[in-house]
């Protein structure tokens, strides 16, 4: 409610004429310190308008802006900083390009840069499948352990990243396949179940001793060609070790049955199609640093 302005009897201050439920609003002046700050802000804004880019203007062809007395923008500063960083990175990457993998590992400064660059490249390119912590997931290997389908030396990892797995557009890709033995009518459902029990027996989880005995013969006749007679796998064909209880797709009986029955043929891109050679070297070194390869395994030089 608005009433005529009047003087408050208690404070002697004039009211604004506004009243709510009998409460009248006093027309107190703003605190001097607040008013001073307010005017200082206005003055500061004017100074910034003069010094920095501010008002939009039409130059006859497009909208642009007043550059200001300083003639630069935060975007300009960022672009200059990025250009300096790119120049520094180019110098290091040139060294990485010229240095074999084994030589990079022996150079502490170059190694530190390679691991940092590889970590950044991993986050941008590899993390969507392998996870931000390289922990992997169903169908995507965990890169933190020392178990490698295709070998864990620097050269092995570099080859895998460069040419991928089952990447048909790259003639040097690593190629193998886990056949679907039930799907392709090579084994019956009962024979697949027996093989599953035999595989589970490697880690002491078989539940049917008679099936294990039957599966042993089928495994020896068919599966040992890739996985070995002892089930320890073969890195030359990417056949996993079945005795260590580490499973790419899952180690429960149902998942193993699915793998044997219908096969697996996961893919990994050939990153040489997307990344420069220096970045691939950085990735190989970073990934190798996570799992460290196999103890005692020699690292060959890779150009």
Protein backbone atom coordinates (compact mmCIF):
# COMPACT_ATOMS: atom_id res chain seq x y z
CA UNK A 1 0.00 0.00 0.00
CA UNK A 2 1.27 3.48 -0.84
CA UNK A 3 0.53 6.37 1.51
CA UNK A 4 1.65 10.03 1.54
CA UNK A 5 5.22 10.51 2.72
CA UNK A 6 5.47 11.48 6.39
CA UNK A 7 8.05 11.79 9.14
CA UNK A 8 8.49 8.84 11.47
CA UNK A 9 7.82 9.85 15.09
CA UNK A 10 10.49 7.54 16.56
CA UNK A 11 13.45 8.09 14.23
CA UNK A 12 12.54 11.44 12.75
CA UNK A 13 13.29 10.02 9.26
CA UNK A 14 10.88 10.59 6.41
CA UNK A 15 9.06 7.50 5.13
CA UNK A 16 8.84 6.45 1.51
CA UNK A 17 5.07 6.21 1.63
CA UNK A 18 5.17 2.39 1.40
CA UNK A 19 3.42 0.41 4.12
CA UNK A 20 2.86 -3.34 4.61
CA UNK A 21 0.76 -4.66 7.46
CA UNK A 22 1.29 -1.47 9.41
CA UNK A 23 5.04 -1.47 8.86
CA UNK A 24 6.25 1.73 7.24
CA UNK A 25 9.40 1.89 5.13
CA UNK A 26 11.90 4.55 6.13
CA UNK A 27 13.66 6.51 3.43
CA UNK A 28 17.14 5.90 4.87
CA UNK A 29 20.03 6.99 2.66
CA UNK A 30 22.40 4.30 1.37
CA UNK A 31 25.58 3.82 3.42
CA UNK A 32 28.32 6.15 2.22
CA UNK A 33 30.82 3.26 1.83
CA UNK A 34 28.33 1.40 -0.38
CA UNK A 35 27.71 4.46 -2.54
CA UNK A 36 31.45 5.02 -2.94
CA UNK A 37 32.00 1.42 -4.05
CA UNK A 38 29.09 1.70 -6.48
CA UNK A 39 30.57 4.79 -8.14
CA UNK A 40 34.03 3.19 -8.15
CA UNK A 41 32.58 0.22 -10.02
CA UNK A 42 31.04 2.52 -12.60
CA UNK A 43 34.36 4.33 -13.02
CA UNK A 44 36.18 0.99 -13.27
CA UNK A 45 33.78 -0.21 -15.95
CA UNK A 46 34.47 2.93 -18.01
CA UNK A 47 38.23 2.34 -17.64
CA UNK A 48 37.83 -1.25 -18.82
CA UNK A 49 35.74 -0.10 -21.79
CA UNK A 50 38.62 2.13 -22.82
CA UNK A 51 41.45 -0.36 -22.20
CA UNK A 52 39.90 -3.66 -23.29
CA UNK A 53 37.63 -4.84 -26.13
CA UNK A 54 34.09 -3.81 -25.38
CA UNK A 55 31.39 -2.34 -27.61
CA UNK A 56 30.25 -4.27 -30.68
CA UNK A 57 30.55 -2.31 -33.92
CA UNK A 58 29.59 -2.92 -37.54
CA UNK A 59 32.54 -2.53 -39.90
CA UNK A 60 30.42 -2.67 -43.05
CA UNK A 61 30.79 -6.41 -43.54
CA UNK A 62 30.41 -8.06 -40.14
CA UNK A 63 29.98 -7.38 -36.47
CA UNK A 64 33.25 -6.94 -34.64
CA UNK A 65 34.20 -5.02 -31.50
CA UNK A 66 36.24 -2.10 -30.28
CA UNK A 67 39.76 -3.43 -29.64
CA UNK A 68 40.49 -1.02 -26.82
CA UNK A 69 43.68 0.90 -26.04
CA UNK A 70 45.58 -2.27 -25.03
CA UNK A 71 44.52 -3.92 -28.28
CA UNK A 72 44.44 -7.50 -26.99
CA UNK A 73 41.93 -9.97 -25.60
CA UNK A 74 42.14 -12.91 -23.21
CA UNK A 75 41.59 -15.12 -26.27
CA UNK A 76 44.73 -13.62 -27.83
CA UNK A 77 46.67 -14.41 -24.66
CA UNK A 78 45.42 -18.00 -24.65
CA UNK A 79 46.28 -18.47 -28.33
CA UNK A 80 49.80 -17.16 -27.74
CA UNK A 81 50.25 -19.48 -24.76
CA UNK A 82 49.00 -22.45 -26.79
CA UNK A 83 51.35 -21.54 -29.63
CA UNK A 84 54.31 -21.43 -27.21
CA UNK A 85 53.28 -24.76 -25.75
CA UNK A 86 52.91 -26.29 -29.22
CA UNK A 87 56.38 -25.07 -30.18
CA UNK A 88 57.89 -26.60 -27.05
CA UNK A 89 55.99 -29.85 -27.62
CA UNK A 90 57.10 -29.96 -31.25
CA UNK A 91 60.73 -29.82 -30.14
CA UNK A 92 60.27 -32.73 -27.75
CA UNK A 93 58.22 -34.72 -30.24
CA UNK A 94 60.91 -34.28 -32.87
CA UNK A 95 63.33 -35.90 -30.44
CA UNK A 96 60.88 -38.71 -29.73
CA UNK A 97 60.43 -39.27 -33.47
CA UNK A 98 64.18 -39.66 -33.95
CA UNK A 99 64.85 -41.78 -30.86
CA UNK A 100 64.15 -45.54 -30.66
CA UNK A 101 61.83 -46.66 -27.89
CA UNK A 102 64.70 -48.18 -25.91
CA UNK A 103 66.60 -44.89 -26.21
CA UNK A 104 63.65 -42.89 -24.92
CA UNK A 105 63.43 -45.11 -21.85
CA UNK A 106 67.12 -44.49 -21.11
CA UNK A 107 66.75 -40.68 -21.30
CA UNK A 108 65.08 -39.47 -18.05
CA UNK A 109 63.90 -36.13 -19.49
CA UNK A 110 62.58 -37.66 -22.70
CA UNK A 111 60.94 -40.49 -20.76
CA UNK A 112 59.19 -38.05 -18.43
CA UNK A 113 57.85 -36.07 -21.39
CA UNK A 114 56.78 -39.25 -23.21
CA UNK A 115 54.84 -40.56 -20.23
CA UNK A 116 53.12 -37.20 -19.70
CA UNK A 117 52.23 -36.96 -23.40
CA UNK A 118 51.10 -40.57 -23.49
CA UNK A 119 48.85 -40.05 -20.48
CA UNK A 120 47.17 -37.09 -22.19
CA UNK A 121 46.79 -39.01 -25.46
CA UNK A 122 45.40 -42.00 -23.56
CA UNK A 123 42.72 -39.85 -21.96
CA UNK A 124 41.73 -38.40 -25.32
CA UNK A 125 41.75 -41.60 -27.37
CA UNK A 126 41.96 -44.80 -25.32
CA UNK A 127 39.99 -44.09 -22.14
CA UNK A 128 36.54 -44.46 -23.78
CA UNK A 129 37.23 -48.21 -24.14
CA UNK A 130 39.93 -49.01 -21.58
CA UNK A 131 38.68 -46.63 -18.86
CA UNK A 132 40.29 -43.51 -17.47
CA UNK A 133 42.37 -45.67 -15.12
CA UNK A 134 43.16 -48.23 -17.87
CA UNK A 135 41.25 -50.79 -15.81
CA UNK A 136 39.42 -52.10 -18.87
CA UNK A 137 36.04 -53.80 -18.88
CA UNK A 138 34.20 -56.65 -20.60
CA UNK A 139 35.89 -57.00 -24.00
CA UNK A 140 38.55 -54.37 -23.21
CA UNK A 141 41.79 -55.53 -21.55
CA UNK A 142 43.00 -54.24 -18.22
CA UNK A 143 46.32 -52.52 -18.98
CA UNK A 144 47.48 -52.30 -15.37
CA UNK A 145 48.51 -55.92 -14.91
CA UNK A 146 51.30 -57.92 -16.51
CA UNK A 147 49.02 -60.16 -18.55
CA UNK A 148 49.15 -59.31 -22.25
CA UNK A 149 47.30 -61.06 -25.05
CA UNK A 150 49.86 -60.03 -27.66
CA UNK A 151 52.94 -59.48 -25.50
CA UNK A 152 53.92 -56.78 -23.06
CA UNK A 153 57.28 -55.51 -24.28
CA UNK A 154 57.54 -51.96 -25.57
CA UNK A 155 57.82 -53.30 -29.11
CA UNK A 156 54.76 -55.52 -28.67
CA UNK A 157 52.64 -52.71 -27.27
CA UNK A 158 53.88 -50.30 -29.94
CA UNK A 159 52.95 -52.79 -32.66
CA UNK A 160 49.49 -53.31 -31.20
CA UNK A 161 48.75 -49.59 -30.91
CA UNK A 162 50.15 -48.82 -34.34
CA UNK A 163 48.39 -51.49 -36.37
CA UNK A 164 45.50 -52.49 -34.13
CA UNK A 165 43.75 -55.81 -33.67
CA UNK A 166 41.71 -57.31 -36.51
CA UNK A 167 41.65 -53.89 -38.20
CA UNK A 168 41.07 -54.90 -41.79
CA UNK A 169 42.23 -51.66 -43.41
CA UNK A 170 45.75 -52.17 -42.02
CA UNK A 171 47.68 -55.03 -43.69
CA UNK A 172 49.99 -55.29 -40.65
CA UNK A 173 47.22 -55.59 -38.09
CA UNK A 174 47.34 -58.41 -35.55
CA UNK A 175 44.88 -61.02 -36.77
CA UNK A 176 43.35 -64.06 -35.11
CA UNK A 177 39.87 -65.24 -34.27
CA UNK A 178 38.12 -67.23 -31.59
CA UNK A 179 35.81 -69.42 -33.59
CA UNK A 180 32.21 -70.10 -32.59
CA UNK A 181 32.37 -73.87 -32.28
CA UNK A 182 28.66 -74.38 -31.67
CA UNK A 183 27.61 -71.68 -34.13
CA UNK A 184 29.80 -73.23 -36.85
CA UNK A 185 28.55 -76.72 -35.97
CA UNK A 186 32.01 -78.01 -35.12
CA UNK A 187 31.02 -79.06 -31.61
CA UNK A 188 27.68 -80.04 -30.11
CA UNK A 189 26.20 -78.21 -27.15
CA UNK A 190 27.22 -81.07 -24.87
CA UNK A 191 30.81 -80.96 -26.15
CA UNK A 192 30.97 -77.20 -25.59
CA UNK A 193 29.71 -77.72 -22.03
CA UNK A 194 32.42 -80.34 -21.47
CA UNK A 195 35.12 -77.95 -22.74
CA UNK A 196 33.80 -75.25 -20.42
CA UNK A 197 34.12 -77.62 -17.47
CA UNK A 198 37.66 -78.50 -18.53
CA UNK A 199 38.59 -74.82 -18.76
CA UNK A 200 37.04 -74.13 -15.36
CA UNK A 201 39.13 -76.97 -13.97
CA UNK A 202 42.29 -74.93 -14.65
CA UNK A 203 41.28 -72.63 -11.81
CA UNK A 204 39.67 -75.30 -9.64
CA UNK A 205 36.08 -74.33 -10.38
CA UNK A 206 34.80 -77.33 -12.32
CA UNK A 207 31.64 -78.93 -10.96
CA UNK A 208 31.46 -82.09 -13.09
CA UNK A 209 34.55 -84.38 -13.03
CA UNK A 210 33.19 -86.60 -15.81
CA UNK A 211 32.63 -83.57 -18.06
CA UNK A 212 36.20 -82.44 -17.31
CA UNK A 213 37.47 -85.82 -18.47
CA UNK A 214 35.46 -85.65 -21.71
CA UNK A 215 36.39 -82.02 -22.27
CA UNK A 216 40.11 -82.77 -21.93
CA UNK A 217 40.09 -84.75 -25.18
CA UNK A 218 38.13 -82.09 -27.07
CA UNK A 219 40.44 -79.39 -25.74
CA UNK A 220 43.52 -81.36 -26.83
CA UNK A 221 42.08 -81.99 -30.29
CA UNK A 222 40.82 -78.44 -31.01
CA UNK A 223 41.67 -75.77 -28.45
CA UNK A 224 45.29 -76.63 -27.70
CA UNK A 225 46.36 -75.48 -31.17
CA UNK A 226 46.04 -71.87 -29.97
CA UNK A 227 45.85 -72.05 -26.19
CA UNK A 228 48.53 -74.70 -25.79
CA UNK A 229 48.26 -78.15 -24.29
CA UNK A 230 48.59 -76.64 -20.82
CA UNK A 231 46.09 -73.84 -21.53
CA UNK A 232 48.65 -71.09 -20.94
CA UNK A 233 47.91 -69.33 -24.21
CA UNK A 234 50.04 -68.09 -27.08
CA UNK A 235 50.97 -64.43 -27.52
CA UNK A 236 51.82 -64.95 -31.19
CA UNK A 237 48.13 -65.43 -31.97
CA UNK A 238 46.64 -63.45 -29.07
CA UNK A 239 45.29 -66.60 -27.39
CA UNK A 240 44.74 -65.87 -23.67
CA UNK A 241 46.13 -67.85 -20.78
CA UNK A 242 43.21 -69.84 -19.38
CA UNK A 243 44.93 -70.79 -16.14
CA UNK A 244 45.34 -67.38 -14.46
CA UNK A 245 41.66 -66.58 -13.85
CA UNK A 246 41.93 -63.32 -15.81
CA UNK A 247 39.10 -63.07 -18.33
CA UNK A 248 38.54 -60.56 -21.08
CA UNK A 249 34.80 -61.15 -21.41
CA UNK A 250 34.08 -62.78 -18.05
CA UNK A 251 35.04 -66.03 -16.35
CA UNK A 252 31.70 -67.36 -15.13
CA UNK A 253 30.49 -70.63 -16.74
CA UNK A 254 27.78 -68.91 -18.77
CA UNK A 255 30.15 -66.36 -20.31
CA UNK A 256 32.80 -68.98 -21.09
CA UNK A 257 30.10 -71.09 -22.75
CA UNK A 258 29.08 -68.08 -24.85
CA UNK A 259 32.70 -67.52 -25.87
CA UNK A 260 33.28 -71.13 -26.93
CA UNK A 261 29.87 -71.51 -28.56
CA UNK A 262 29.70 -68.27 -30.55
CA UNK A 263 33.29 -67.00 -30.65
CA UNK A 264 34.88 -63.62 -30.08
CA UNK A 265 36.44 -61.18 -32.52
CA UNK A 266 36.93 -57.85 -30.78
CA UNK A 267 38.65 -55.05 -32.64
CA UNK A 268 41.11 -52.31 -31.79
CA UNK A 269 41.76 -49.44 -34.25
CA UNK A 270 45.07 -49.07 -36.02
CA UNK A 271 46.03 -45.77 -34.46
CA UNK A 272 48.58 -45.01 -37.16
CA UNK A 273 45.53 -43.92 -39.17
CA UNK A 274 44.69 -41.25 -36.61
CA UNK A 275 47.77 -40.36 -34.57
CA UNK A 276 51.29 -39.27 -35.49
CA UNK A 277 54.22 -41.66 -34.86
CA UNK A 278 55.56 -39.64 -31.91
CA UNK A 279 52.23 -39.78 -30.10
CA UNK A 280 52.01 -43.53 -30.69
CA UNK A 281 55.46 -43.94 -29.13
CA UNK A 282 54.32 -41.87 -26.15
CA UNK A 283 51.24 -44.05 -25.79
CA UNK A 284 53.30 -47.25 -25.96
CA UNK A 285 55.64 -46.00 -23.24
CA UNK A 286 52.77 -44.81 -21.04
CA UNK A 287 50.85 -48.09 -21.36
CA UNK A 288 54.05 -50.05 -20.72
CA UNK A 289 54.61 -47.99 -17.57
CA UNK A 290 51.19 -49.02 -16.28
CA UNK A 291 51.72 -52.75 -16.49
CA UNK A 292 55.47 -52.80 -16.89
CA UNK A 293 55.54 -55.74 -19.29
CA UNK A 294 56.64 -59.12 -18.04
CA UNK A 295 59.44 -59.22 -15.45
CA UNK A 296 62.78 -60.03 -17.04
CA UNK A 297 61.48 -59.47 -20.54
CA UNK A 298 63.95 -57.62 -22.73
CA UNK A 299 62.83 -54.48 -24.53
CA UNK A 300 63.88 -54.41 -28.15
CA UNK A 301 64.57 -51.14 -29.95
CA UNK A 302 61.86 -49.86 -32.25
CA UNK A 303 62.47 -47.11 -34.76
